[in-house]
Amino acid sequence: MTRLSWPVVGAEEMRALDRHTIETLGVPGEVLMESAGRAVVERVLALLQRGDAVCVVCGPGHNGGDGWVVARHLHALGVPVRVAEIGAPRGGDAAAQRERALAVGVAVDGARWRAPAAGVIVDALFGTGLSRDLGKEARTAVRRINTARSERPEALRVVAVDLPSGVCSDTGQLRGEAVAADETVSFGLPKCGLVFEPGRGLAGAIRVARIGIADSAPGTDVAGSLWTRAGAADALPARPASGHKGSFGHALLVAGSEGKTGAAALCAEGAARVGAGLVTLACPAGLNDVLEGLCKEAMTAPLPDTPSRAFAAAAEDGVVSLAAERDAVGLGPGLGRSDETRAFVQAVAKRVEVPLALDADGVVAFAGASELLRARTAPTLLTPHPGEAGALLGTSAAEINADRVAAARALAQQTGCAVLLKGAGTVAADPAGAWIANPTGGPALASGGTGDVLLGVVVGLLAQGLPPLRAAALGAYLHGLAADRWTARHGRAGLLAGDLLAGLPECIEALRRAAAAPSFESSLAPVFPDAGPDPSAPVLSDSGPDPLAPVLPDA
């Protein structure tokens, strides 16, 4: 069957699922370890060339036990393999697997182990159980793995067992130092540390091995999830053939000030590109002529402004009146941060009674005034970057990024709003604690205006009837997918916000096609599938018209 999302777990949840599988479901830990090792062997074999060798770097815990299984199976298959033992297991399943490997003749090296000249290093030092910074011997092993990989990048690959050693399974942060892997085979479910940076970047290609560990257990709340393409497609608003522009929602964007007309235009077009039937852009009156020229598809609504051409407090009634006849409102891009603008934003948020998304200056206007957001009765969504989130939580961007899930959930709980925390590892959260990590996007999005496009996309989805958490997650997915597809064609730098706008309809259609094609989950399912051009897209040819073409072909 097609998986719509992956549950995402931390160390505590994973331990609970392991314990439930072993103690309640009766699956022996040895069997799980054997299955885990065999899954890693499958990936190692796929990477080997004739004459290659394998070094399995084993730590003292369960992760090392998985590594001993890998070594034993590779040895049985005739692959040249040696184990670098960084601490012997002290008992249990790992010790039993070590004895079995030694009994069949697996070679073991101590502190002076060397990486092979060509082949694969298996990182089986530490997994989800790592709760402290690496010790001296482990750091030495990590540096040796990374040095060998960097010196022979064409000849040597690194496969991490469960997650790269030194990555915190709960946050993706480093426990001092960490292995840089080419591939990671995670067991049961993806870990938080593989979803957020720097762990995600160190993990390489990530696959989840379905080895028999339960996805749920009584009393264990797995609040996080990661959408697949099928899940994102499932969230797309319906697009019936009988629809018209009035069927697909009317979005109102309140944006712009002198020098920031681009932000207003980008968010307005973002709402239209994601499928909103109608878009109105409310802007300072002094900027209306400029924005009418920039926004050919959106209506503009000039409102009272200040001498510096920002929204005046007197614009409040006009926005509230416009909002009463629209389906969703976006407020924030390019507004500025004067005291008058701050008061204007707070007053509008208090009175608008339709779904409201706040971004950029619209978010910062509530620093020290979260109670005003909690007082809203209509659905509300915040889309801050780490600095803006930090302004509301009274902390730094660095502290926000140190645990992005915790920060998003804390901000949602404090404000009573859904939150889309942007950045490297975008995450959406709601006040009840549920969160959705976004698997798309990358460094190409580090370009001015891309956040304005995202706000418009989210408001366009709210206008089409999606609830805030779902609109946030889908908006981030489409936004990132458009960037991924552009990157696959052009590279990691040079993306302009306008390129995202042009790519959005193509991304939506690619998701709809992918959802229509039946698929089944592999035992080694990729967590972040290739988000480049859709391989199922039709190939154009000059062979002439199809003699069996339908009378009314799909347009």
Protein backbone atom coordinates (compact mmCIF):
# COMPACT_ATOMS: atom_id res chain seq x y z
CA MET A 1 0.00 0.00 0.00
CA THR A 2 1.03 3.64 -0.45
CA ARG A 3 2.34 5.29 2.71
CA LEU A 4 0.98 8.79 3.28
CA SER A 5 3.41 9.68 6.06
CA TRP A 6 6.20 8.37 8.23
CA PRO A 7 5.86 8.61 12.01
CA VAL A 8 9.04 10.33 13.23
CA VAL A 9 10.47 9.29 16.60
CA GLY A 10 13.12 10.23 19.11
CA ALA A 11 15.15 7.95 21.34
CA GLU A 12 12.48 7.57 24.04
CA GLU A 13 9.72 6.65 21.59
CA MET A 14 12.01 4.22 19.75
CA ARG A 15 12.94 2.46 22.98
CA ALA A 16 9.26 2.10 23.84
CA LEU A 17 8.48 0.61 20.42
CA ASP A 18 11.43 -1.80 20.71
CA ARG A 19 10.32 -2.86 24.18
CA HIS A 20 6.71 -3.38 23.06
CA THR A 21 7.83 -5.44 20.06
CA ILE A 22 10.05 -7.68 22.16
CA GLU A 23 8.13 -7.99 25.42
CA THR A 24 4.50 -7.81 24.26
CA LEU A 25 4.57 -9.00 20.66
CA GLY A 26 7.15 -11.68 21.45
CA VAL A 27 9.70 -10.88 18.72
CA PRO A 28 13.15 -11.74 20.18
CA GLY A 29 15.71 -8.94 20.21
CA GLU A 30 18.15 -11.26 18.45
CA VAL A 31 15.73 -11.61 15.55
CA LEU A 32 15.39 -7.82 15.24
CA MET A 33 19.18 -7.43 15.33
CA GLU A 34 19.60 -10.12 12.68
CA SER A 35 17.03 -8.42 10.45
CA ALA A 36 18.68 -5.02 10.95
CA GLY A 37 22.10 -6.36 9.98
CA ARG A 38 20.76 -8.07 6.87
CA ALA A 39 19.09 -4.82 5.75
CA VAL A 40 22.45 -3.03 6.00
CA VAL A 41 24.13 -5.86 4.06
CA GLU A 42 21.66 -5.27 1.23
CA ARG A 43 22.80 -1.67 0.86
CA VAL A 44 26.51 -2.50 1.25
CA LEU A 45 26.34 -5.09 -1.52
CA ALA A 46 24.68 -2.53 -3.79
CA LEU A 47 27.69 -0.24 -3.39
CA LEU A 48 30.53 -2.75 -3.82
CA GLN A 49 32.64 -3.13 -6.94
CA ARG A 50 34.91 -6.04 -7.87
CA GLY A 51 37.97 -6.06 -5.60
CA ASP A 52 36.41 -3.83 -2.91
CA ALA A 53 36.63 -4.56 0.80
CA VAL A 54 34.53 -3.64 3.83
CA CYS A 55 35.47 -2.34 7.27
CA VAL A 56 32.73 -2.51 9.93
CA VAL A 57 33.42 -0.13 12.82
CA CYS A 58 31.59 -1.61 15.83
CA GLY A 59 30.83 0.10 19.13
CA PRO A 60 29.96 -1.67 22.39
CA GLY A 61 26.16 -1.43 22.27
CA HIS A 62 23.26 -2.65 20.14
CA ASN A 63 24.47 -0.60 17.18
CA GLY A 64 27.73 -2.53 17.34
CA GLY A 65 25.73 -5.77 17.55
CA ASP A 66 24.07 -4.86 14.25
CA GLY A 67 27.55 -4.31 12.84
CA TRP A 68 28.70 -7.78 13.90
CA VAL A 69 25.71 -9.26 12.02
CA VAL A 70 26.74 -7.28 8.94
CA ALA A 71 30.30 -8.58 9.15
CA ARG A 72 29.20 -12.20 9.57
CA HIS A 73 26.89 -12.15 6.55
CA LEU A 74 29.42 -10.39 4.33
CA HIS A 75 32.06 -12.94 5.37
CA ALA A 76 29.68 -15.79 4.47
CA LEU A 77 29.19 -14.22 1.04
CA GLY A 78 32.93 -14.11 0.40
CA VAL A 79 33.29 -10.35 0.73
CA PRO A 80 36.65 -9.27 2.22
CA VAL A 81 35.55 -7.81 5.57
CA ARG A 82 37.22 -6.81 8.83
CA VAL A 83 35.78 -5.43 12.06
CA ALA A 84 37.32 -2.45 13.83
CA GLU A 85 36.26 -3.03 17.42
CA ILE A 86 35.85 0.19 19.42
CA GLY A 87 34.88 -1.40 22.74
CA ALA A 88 33.58 -4.95 23.18
CA PRO A 89 29.91 -5.49 24.13
CA ARG A 90 29.33 -6.30 27.78
CA GLY A 91 26.60 -8.89 27.24
CA GLY A 92 23.17 -9.40 25.73
CA ASP A 93 22.31 -9.75 22.05
CA ALA A 94 25.32 -7.70 20.89
CA ALA A 95 27.78 -9.98 22.70
CA ALA A 96 26.07 -13.05 21.24
CA GLN A 97 26.35 -11.65 17.72
CA ARG A 98 30.03 -10.90 18.28
CA GLU A 99 30.68 -14.50 19.34
CA ARG A 100 28.90 -15.83 16.24
CA ALA A 101 30.96 -13.59 13.95
CA LEU A 102 34.21 -14.63 15.59
CA ALA A 103 33.21 -18.31 15.41
CA VAL A 104 32.92 -18.20 11.61
CA GLY A 105 36.28 -16.47 11.23
CA VAL A 106 35.51 -12.75 10.88
CA ALA A 107 38.78 -10.84 11.24
CA VAL A 108 39.04 -8.22 13.97
CA ASP A 109 41.32 -5.19 14.24
CA GLY A 110 41.93 -3.11 17.34
CA ALA A 111 42.98 0.48 17.78
CA ARG A 112 45.27 0.43 14.73
CA TRP A 113 42.50 -0.46 12.26
CA ARG A 114 42.65 1.00 8.77
CA ALA A 115 39.98 1.84 6.24
CA PRO A 116 40.10 -0.17 3.01
CA ALA A 117 41.59 1.47 -0.06
CA ALA A 118 38.30 1.01 -1.86
CA GLY A 119 34.89 -0.26 -0.80
CA VAL A 120 32.63 0.53 2.17
CA ILE A 121 33.02 1.57 5.78
CA VAL A 122 30.03 0.57 7.91
CA ASP A 123 29.53 2.97 10.82
CA ALA A 124 28.10 0.81 13.64
CA LEU A 125 29.52 2.79 16.54
CA PHE A 126 26.46 4.38 18.18
CA GLY A 127 22.75 4.64 17.38
CA THR A 128 19.69 6.09 19.11
CA GLY A 129 21.03 5.20 22.55
CA LEU A 130 23.79 7.82 22.45
CA SER A 131 22.99 10.33 25.21
CA ARG A 132 26.30 12.13 25.72
CA ASP A 133 29.20 13.54 23.74
CA LEU A 134 31.52 11.00 22.17
CA GLY A 135 34.51 9.88 24.20
CA LYS A 136 38.12 10.11 23.06
CA GLU A 137 38.32 6.67 21.40
CA ALA A 138 35.02 7.16 19.59
CA ARG A 139 36.03 10.63 18.37
CA THR A 140 39.23 9.17 16.99
CA ALA A 141 37.23 6.53 15.11
CA VAL A 142 34.83 9.13 13.73
CA ARG A 143 37.73 11.29 12.49
CA ARG A 144 39.37 8.27 10.89
CA ILE A 145 36.14 7.38 9.04
CA ASN A 146 35.63 10.95 7.84
CA THR A 147 39.26 11.38 6.79
CA ALA A 148 39.23 8.18 4.74
CA ARG A 149 35.99 9.19 3.05
CA SER A 150 37.25 12.69 2.20
CA GLU A 151 40.60 11.41 0.90
CA ARG A 152 39.05 8.76 -1.37
CA PRO A 153 35.57 10.05 -2.24
CA GLU A 154 35.35 8.13 -5.50
CA ALA A 155 36.52 4.83 -4.06
CA LEU A 156 35.12 4.71 -0.54
CA ARG A 157 31.53 4.94 0.70
CA VAL A 158 30.23 5.15 4.27
CA VAL A 159 26.99 3.44 5.33
CA ALA A 160 25.67 4.43 8.76
CA VAL A 161 23.68 1.98 10.88
CA ASP A 162 20.43 3.59 12.14
CA LEU A 163 21.93 7.11 12.14
CA PRO A 164 25.44 8.55 11.82
CA SER A 165 27.40 8.09 15.03
CA GLY A 166 27.56 11.33 16.98
CA VAL A 167 24.19 12.67 15.76
CA CYS A 168 21.57 13.23 18.47
CA SER A 169 18.56 11.14 17.54
CA ASP A 170 16.15 13.67 19.07
CA THR A 171 17.36 16.93 17.48
CA GLY A 172 19.91 16.27 14.72
CA GLN A 173 22.55 18.22 16.68
CA LEU A 174 26.08 16.86 17.15
CA ARG A 175 27.35 15.06 20.22
CA GLY A 176 30.74 16.69 19.79
CA GLU A 177 31.59 15.19 16.39
CA ALA A 178 29.75 12.94 13.95
CA VAL A 179 30.28 10.62 11.00
CA ALA A 180 29.50 11.97 7.53
CA ALA A 181 27.77 9.11 5.69
CA ASP A 182 26.84 8.50 2.08
CA GLU A 183 23.86 6.39 3.11
CA THR A 184 22.01 5.69 6.34
CA VAL A 185 19.84 2.64 6.97
CA SER A 186 17.48 3.47 9.83
CA PHE A 187 15.41 0.78 11.52
CA GLY A 188 11.67 0.72 12.08
CA LEU A 189 10.93 4.43 11.69
CA PRO A 190 12.95 7.54 10.77
CA LYS A 191 14.47 9.38 13.72
CA CYS A 192 14.14 13.11 14.39
CA GLY A 193 17.91 13.39 14.06
CA LEU A 194 17.67 12.35 10.40
CA VAL A 195 15.06 14.99 9.60
CA PHE A 196 16.78 18.10 10.95
CA GLU A 197 20.17 19.64 10.25
CA PRO A 198 23.01 18.98 10.66
CA GLY A 199 22.00 15.33 11.10
CA ARG A 200 20.06 15.20 7.85
CA GLY A 201 23.00 16.52 5.86
CA LEU A 202 25.40 14.05 7.48
CA ALA A 203 23.15 11.05 6.84
CA GLY A 204 23.35 11.03 3.05
CA ALA A 205 20.60 9.02 1.34
CA ILE A 206 18.25 7.77 4.05
CA ARG A 207 16.32 4.52 3.91
CA VAL A 208 14.13 2.94 6.56
CA ALA A 209 14.42 -0.83 6.96
CA ARG A 210 11.11 -2.38 7.99
CA ILE A 211 12.52 -5.08 10.25
CA GLY A 212 9.44 -5.92 12.31
CA ILE A 213 9.45 -3.19 14.96
CA ALA A 214 5.92 -1.98 15.75
CA ASP A 215 4.97 1.52 14.59
CA SER A 216 2.89 2.14 17.73
CA ALA A 217 2.56 0.94 21.29
CA PRO A 218 0.03 1.53 24.09
CA GLY A 219 0.96 4.62 26.07
CA THR A 220 3.48 5.84 23.50
CA ASP A 221 2.51 9.07 21.77
CA VAL A 222 4.30 9.55 18.45
CA ALA A 223 3.33 13.16 17.73
CA GLY A 224 5.58 13.78 14.75
CA SER A 225 5.22 12.79 11.12
CA LEU A 226 6.92 13.28 7.77
CA TRP A 227 4.75 13.40 4.66
CA THR A 228 5.54 11.32 1.61
CA ARG A 229 4.63 12.48 -1.88
CA ALA A 230 1.42 10.49 -1.58
CA GLY A 231 0.63 12.27 1.69
CA ALA A 232 1.19 15.69 0.17
CA ALA A 233 -0.97 14.73 -2.82
CA ASP A 234 -3.70 13.54 -0.45
CA ALA A 235 -3.73 17.00 1.17
CA LEU A 236 -4.23 18.91 -2.11
CA PRO A 237 -7.56 20.75 -2.32
CA ALA A 238 -10.10 19.13 -4.62
CA ARG A 239 -10.27 20.56 -8.12
CA PRO A 240 -13.64 19.43 -9.56
CA ALA A 241 -14.31 19.88 -13.26
CA SER A 242 -17.44 21.89 -12.44
CA GLY A 243 -15.47 24.44 -10.38
CA HIS A 244 -15.11 28.15 -11.17
CA LYS A 245 -13.07 30.98 -9.66
CA GLY A 246 -15.64 31.47 -6.93
CA SER A 247 -15.29 27.81 -5.94
CA PHE A 248 -11.63 27.96 -5.01
CA GLY A 249 -11.54 30.69 -2.43
CA HIS A 250 -10.75 34.39 -2.29
CA ALA A 251 -7.44 35.28 -0.60
CA LEU A 252 -6.61 38.69 0.85
CA LEU A 253 -2.94 39.67 1.25
CA VAL A 254 -2.07 42.72 3.34
CA ALA A 255 1.51 43.61 2.52
CA GLY A 256 4.06 46.13 1.36
CA SER A 257 5.70 49.41 2.28
CA GLU A 258 8.12 51.75 0.53
CA GLY A 259 11.01 49.71 -0.88
CA LYS A 260 9.18 46.41 -0.31
CA THR A 261 6.62 46.27 -3.07
CA GLY A 262 8.27 43.07 -4.29
CA ALA A 263 7.27 41.26 -1.10
CA ALA A 264 3.64 42.23 -1.64
CA ALA A 265 3.62 41.18 -5.29
CA LEU A 266 5.30 37.84 -4.60
CA CYS A 267 2.89 36.77 -1.89
CA ALA A 268 -0.12 37.78 -3.98
CA GLU A 269 1.07 35.70 -6.93
CA GLY A 270 1.90 32.80 -4.59
CA ALA A 271 -1.74 32.60 -3.55
CA ALA A 272 -2.88 32.59 -7.16
CA ARG A 273 -0.30 30.01 -8.29
CA VAL A 274 -1.42 27.52 -5.64
CA GLY A 275 -4.96 27.65 -6.93
CA ALA A 276 -6.89 30.39 -5.11
CA GLY A 277 -9.70 31.48 -7.42
CA LEU A 278 -9.43 35.17 -6.55
CA VAL A 279 -6.71 37.27 -4.90
CA THR A 280 -6.92 40.79 -3.52
CA LEU A 281 -3.80 42.69 -2.46
CA ALA A 282 -4.40 45.43 0.13
CA CYS A 283 -1.54 47.93 0.00
CA PRO A 284 -0.59 51.43 1.14
CA ALA A 285 -2.31 53.90 -1.21
CA GLY A 286 0.96 55.50 -2.28
CA LEU A 287 2.16 52.17 -3.67
CA ASN A 288 -1.00 51.21 -5.53
CA ASP A 289 0.17 52.36 -8.98
CA VAL A 290 3.37 50.36 -8.66
CA LEU A 291 1.59 47.21 -7.47
CA GLU A 292 -1.12 47.40 -10.13
CA GLY A 293 1.69 47.13 -12.65
CA LEU A 294 3.34 44.23 -10.84
CA CYS A 295 0.17 42.25 -10.08
CA LYS A 296 -1.77 41.68 -13.25
CA GLU A 297 -3.88 38.80 -11.93
CA ALA A 298 -4.63 40.18 -8.45
CA MET A 299 -6.97 43.00 -7.57
CA THR A 300 -5.47 45.81 -5.51
CA ALA A 301 -7.12 47.72 -2.68
CA PRO A 302 -5.32 51.00 -1.77
CA LEU A 303 -5.68 51.91 1.91
CA PRO A 304 -4.64 54.92 4.04
CA ASP A 305 -0.90 55.23 4.44
CA THR A 306 1.72 57.23 6.30
CA PRO A 307 3.97 59.87 4.70
CA SER A 308 6.60 57.11 4.36
CA ARG A 309 4.08 54.99 2.42
CA ALA A 310 3.46 52.30 5.03
CA PHE A 311 0.04 51.32 6.36
CA ALA A 312 -1.45 53.97 8.64
CA ALA A 313 -3.55 53.11 11.67
CA ALA A 314 -6.54 54.39 9.68
CA ALA A 315 -6.19 51.43 7.29
CA GLU A 316 -7.52 49.08 9.97
CA ASP A 317 -11.21 49.47 9.09
CA GLY A 318 -10.51 48.95 5.40
CA VAL A 319 -8.69 45.67 6.00
CA VAL A 320 -11.41 44.40 8.33
CA SER A 321 -14.09 45.28 5.77
CA LEU A 322 -12.19 43.50 2.97
CA ALA A 323 -11.53 40.45 5.16
CA ALA A 324 -15.22 40.02 5.92
CA GLU A 325 -15.79 39.16 2.24
CA ARG A 326 -12.72 36.92 1.80
CA ASP A 327 -11.94 33.36 2.84
CA ALA A 328 -8.47 33.88 4.34
CA VAL A 329 -6.06 36.71 5.09
CA GLY A 330 -2.26 36.93 4.98
CA LEU A 331 -0.65 39.77 6.89
CA GLY A 332 2.98 40.71 7.21
CA PRO A 333 5.34 40.69 4.21
CA GLY A 334 7.18 43.99 3.84
CA LEU A 335 5.00 45.92 6.33
CA GLY A 336 7.82 47.51 8.35
CA ARG A 337 8.18 47.68 12.13
CA SER A 338 7.24 51.18 13.20
CA ASP A 339 5.11 51.62 16.31
CA GLU A 340 2.14 52.66 14.15
CA THR A 341 2.49 49.58 11.97
CA ARG A 342 2.75 47.33 15.02
CA ALA A 343 -0.47 48.79 16.43
CA PHE A 344 -2.14 48.38 13.03
CA VAL A 345 -1.19 44.69 12.85
CA GLN A 346 -2.41 43.97 16.36
CA ALA A 347 -5.71 45.74 15.75
CA VAL A 348 -6.34 43.90 12.48
CA ALA A 349 -5.57 40.52 14.05
CA LYS A 350 -8.00 41.26 16.86
CA ARG A 351 -10.90 42.06 14.53
CA VAL A 352 -10.46 39.75 11.52
CA GLU A 353 -12.79 36.77 11.89
CA VAL A 354 -11.55 34.52 9.06
CA PRO A 355 -8.41 32.34 8.97
CA LEU A 356 -5.33 34.53 9.32
CA ALA A 357 -1.68 33.82 8.49
CA LEU A 358 1.00 36.10 9.95
CA ASP A 359 4.50 36.35 8.52
CA ALA A 360 7.67 38.41 9.01
CA ASP A 361 6.79 41.85 10.42
CA GLY A 362 3.30 40.55 11.17
CA VAL A 363 4.79 37.95 13.53
CA VAL A 364 7.26 40.28 15.23
CA ALA A 365 4.42 42.70 16.00
CA PHE A 366 3.33 40.24 18.71
CA ALA A 367 6.68 40.00 20.53
CA GLY A 368 5.75 40.37 24.20
CA ALA A 369 2.05 40.27 23.30
CA SER A 370 1.27 36.59 22.66
CA GLU A 371 -1.93 36.92 24.67
CA LEU A 372 -3.43 38.92 21.80
CA LEU A 373 -2.97 35.92 19.52
CA ARG A 374 -4.45 33.55 22.09
CA ALA A 375 -7.55 35.75 22.22
CA ARG A 376 -8.35 35.15 18.55
CA THR A 377 -11.27 32.80 17.90
CA ALA A 378 -10.68 32.20 14.17
CA PRO A 379 -7.89 29.86 12.98
CA THR A 380 -4.45 31.48 13.03
CA LEU A 381 -1.11 30.46 11.55
CA LEU A 382 2.34 31.95 12.20
CA THR A 383 5.14 31.46 9.65
CA PRO A 384 8.31 32.75 11.35
CA HIS A 385 11.97 32.11 10.62
CA PRO A 386 14.10 31.29 13.70
CA GLY A 387 14.86 34.94 14.50
CA GLU A 388 11.19 35.89 14.45
CA ALA A 389 10.23 32.83 16.49
CA GLY A 390 12.93 33.76 18.98
CA ALA A 391 11.47 37.26 19.30
CA LEU A 392 8.17 35.78 20.53
CA LEU A 393 9.76 33.11 22.73
CA GLY A 394 12.39 35.44 24.17
CA THR A 395 15.32 33.39 22.97
CA SER A 396 17.93 33.36 20.20
CA ALA A 397 17.79 31.91 16.70
CA ALA A 398 20.60 29.53 17.66
CA GLU A 399 18.54 28.15 20.54
CA ILE A 400 15.54 27.75 18.24
CA ASN A 401 17.62 25.76 15.75
CA ALA A 402 19.12 23.58 18.49
CA ASP A 403 15.74 21.83 18.86
CA ARG A 404 13.38 22.94 16.12
CA VAL A 405 10.54 20.61 17.09
CA ALA A 406 10.55 21.76 20.71
CA ALA A 407 10.65 25.41 19.60
CA ALA A 408 7.76 25.07 17.14
CA ARG A 409 5.64 23.23 19.70
CA ALA A 410 6.45 25.76 22.42
CA LEU A 411 5.50 28.68 20.16
CA ALA A 412 2.25 26.98 19.15
CA GLN A 413 1.35 26.34 22.78
CA GLN A 414 2.28 29.87 23.90
CA THR A 415 0.25 31.61 21.17
CA GLY A 416 -2.58 29.12 20.60
CA CYS A 417 -1.74 29.26 16.88
CA ALA A 418 -0.50 26.76 14.36
CA VAL A 419 3.16 27.45 13.56
CA LEU A 420 5.26 26.91 10.45
CA LEU A 421 8.86 27.30 11.62
CA LYS A 422 10.90 27.96 8.49
CA GLY A 423 14.56 27.09 7.98
CA ALA A 424 16.81 24.07 7.44
CA GLY A 425 14.27 21.46 8.41
CA THR A 426 10.96 23.33 8.24
CA VAL A 427 8.43 22.02 10.76
CA ALA A 428 4.73 22.73 11.27
CA ALA A 429 3.15 22.34 14.72
CA ASP A 430 -0.22 22.93 16.35
CA PRO A 431 -1.16 23.85 19.94
CA ALA A 432 -2.14 20.24 20.69
CA GLY A 433 1.48 19.14 20.13
CA ALA A 434 1.18 17.44 16.73
CA TRP A 435 3.96 18.29 14.30
CA ILE A 436 4.83 17.61 10.67
CA ALA A 437 8.38 17.83 9.32
CA ASN A 438 8.90 18.91 5.74
CA PRO A 439 11.09 16.66 3.54
CA THR A 440 11.53 19.10 0.65
CA GLY A 441 13.65 22.19 0.07
CA GLY A 442 17.30 23.03 0.61
CA PRO A 443 19.91 25.78 0.49
CA ALA A 444 18.65 27.11 -2.86
CA LEU A 445 15.78 28.68 -0.88
CA ALA A 446 18.25 31.00 0.87
CA SER A 447 17.21 33.80 -1.47
CA GLY A 448 15.26 37.00 -0.85
CA GLY A 449 11.53 36.79 -1.46
CA THR A 450 11.10 33.03 -1.14
CA GLY A 451 9.44 33.47 2.26
CA ASP A 452 6.95 35.92 0.75
CA VAL A 453 6.02 33.31 -1.84
CA LEU A 454 5.51 30.76 0.94
CA LEU A 455 3.15 33.04 2.84
CA GLY A 456 1.08 33.52 -0.31
CA VAL A 457 0.97 29.78 -0.95
CA VAL A 458 -0.20 29.09 2.59
CA VAL A 459 -2.92 31.76 2.43
CA GLY A 460 -4.07 30.40 -0.94
CA LEU A 461 -4.49 26.97 0.67
CA LEU A 462 -6.31 28.42 3.68
CA ALA A 463 -8.66 30.20 1.27
CA GLN A 464 -9.41 26.86 -0.37
CA GLY A 465 -10.53 25.44 2.96
CA LEU A 466 -7.49 23.67 4.41
CA PRO A 467 -7.07 23.90 8.20
CA PRO A 468 -3.93 25.73 9.40
CA LEU A 469 -1.65 22.77 10.20
CA ARG A 470 -2.48 21.05 6.92
CA ALA A 471 -2.13 24.27 4.92
CA ALA A 472 1.23 24.95 6.55
CA ALA A 473 2.60 21.47 5.88
CA LEU A 474 1.35 21.35 2.28
CA GLY A 475 2.51 24.89 1.56
CA ALA A 476 6.02 24.09 2.79
CA TYR A 477 6.06 20.83 0.82
CA LEU A 478 5.06 22.48 -2.47
CA HIS A 479 7.39 25.43 -1.90
CA GLY A 480 10.33 23.10 -1.22
CA LEU A 481 9.44 20.76 -4.07
CA ALA A 482 9.46 23.67 -6.52
CA ALA A 483 12.96 24.56 -5.27
CA ASP A 484 14.13 20.92 -5.50
CA ARG A 485 12.94 20.57 -9.08
CA TRP A 486 14.63 23.84 -10.05
CA THR A 487 17.84 22.73 -8.30
CA ALA A 488 17.84 19.42 -10.16
CA ARG A 489 17.95 21.38 -13.43
CA HIS A 490 20.09 24.40 -12.56
CA GLY A 491 22.16 23.79 -9.42
CA ARG A 492 22.11 24.91 -5.80
CA ALA A 493 22.54 28.66 -6.26
CA GLY A 494 20.78 31.33 -8.26
CA LEU A 495 17.14 30.45 -7.53
CA LEU A 496 14.88 33.52 -7.58
CA ALA A 497 11.55 33.75 -5.82
CA GLY A 498 9.90 34.13 -9.21
CA ASP A 499 11.27 30.74 -10.24
CA LEU A 500 9.26 29.16 -7.42
CA LEU A 501 6.09 30.84 -8.65
CA ALA A 502 6.60 29.52 -12.17
CA GLY A 503 7.22 25.99 -10.87
CA LEU A 504 4.31 25.64 -8.45
CA PRO A 505 1.61 24.48 -10.92
CA GLU A 506 3.99 21.85 -12.33
CA CYS A 507 4.66 20.56 -8.80
CA ILE A 508 0.97 20.29 -8.00
CA GLU A 509 0.35 18.32 -11.18
CA ALA A 510 3.34 16.05 -10.51
CA LEU A 511 1.89 15.21 -7.10
CA ARG A 512 -1.52 14.46 -8.58
CA ARG A 513 0.07 12.10 -11.14
CA ALA A 514 2.12 10.38 -8.46
CA ALA A 515 -0.98 9.86 -6.32
CA ALA A 516 -2.82 8.28 -9.22
CA ALA A 517 -0.11 5.64 -9.77
CA PRO A 518 -0.31 2.59 -7.45
CA SER A 519 2.80 1.91 -5.39
CA PHE A 520 3.95 -0.39 -2.62
CA GLU A 521 6.38 0.26 0.18
CA SER A 522 9.74 -1.47 -0.13
CA SER A 523 11.38 -3.16 2.85
CA LEU A 524 14.05 -0.45 2.44
CA ALA A 525 11.88 2.58 1.73
CA PRO A 526 13.56 5.95 1.03
CA VAL A 527 12.64 8.70 3.50
CA PHE A 528 13.54 11.63 1.23
CA PRO A 529 12.75 10.41 -2.30
CA ASP A 530 14.27 12.24 -5.24
CA ALA A 531 12.27 15.43 -5.59
CA GLY A 532 13.61 16.27 -9.04
CA PRO A 533 11.68 16.10 -12.31
CA ASP A 534 8.95 13.49 -12.13
CA PRO A 535 10.06 10.34 -14.02
CA SER A 536 6.43 9.59 -14.80
CA ALA A 537 6.04 12.81 -16.77
CA PRO A 538 5.15 12.23 -20.44
CA VAL A 539 7.94 12.33 -23.01
CA LEU A 540 7.25 14.59 -26.00
CA SER A 541 7.87 13.12 -29.45
CA ASP A 542 7.24 14.07 -33.06
CA SER A 543 5.61 10.78 -34.00
CA GLY A 544 2.32 12.43 -34.92
CA PRO A 545 -1.13 12.21 -33.32
CA ASP A 546 -2.08 9.11 -31.35
CA PRO A 547 -4.57 7.10 -33.45
CA LEU A 548 -6.28 6.02 -30.21
CA ALA A 549 -6.39 9.49 -28.64
CA PRO A 550 -9.58 10.29 -26.70
CA VAL A 551 -11.98 12.82 -28.16
CA LEU A 552 -11.58 15.01 -25.07
CA PRO A 553 -7.97 14.47 -24.00
CA ASP A 554 -6.87 15.35 -20.48
CA ALA A 555 -5.73 18.98 -20.61
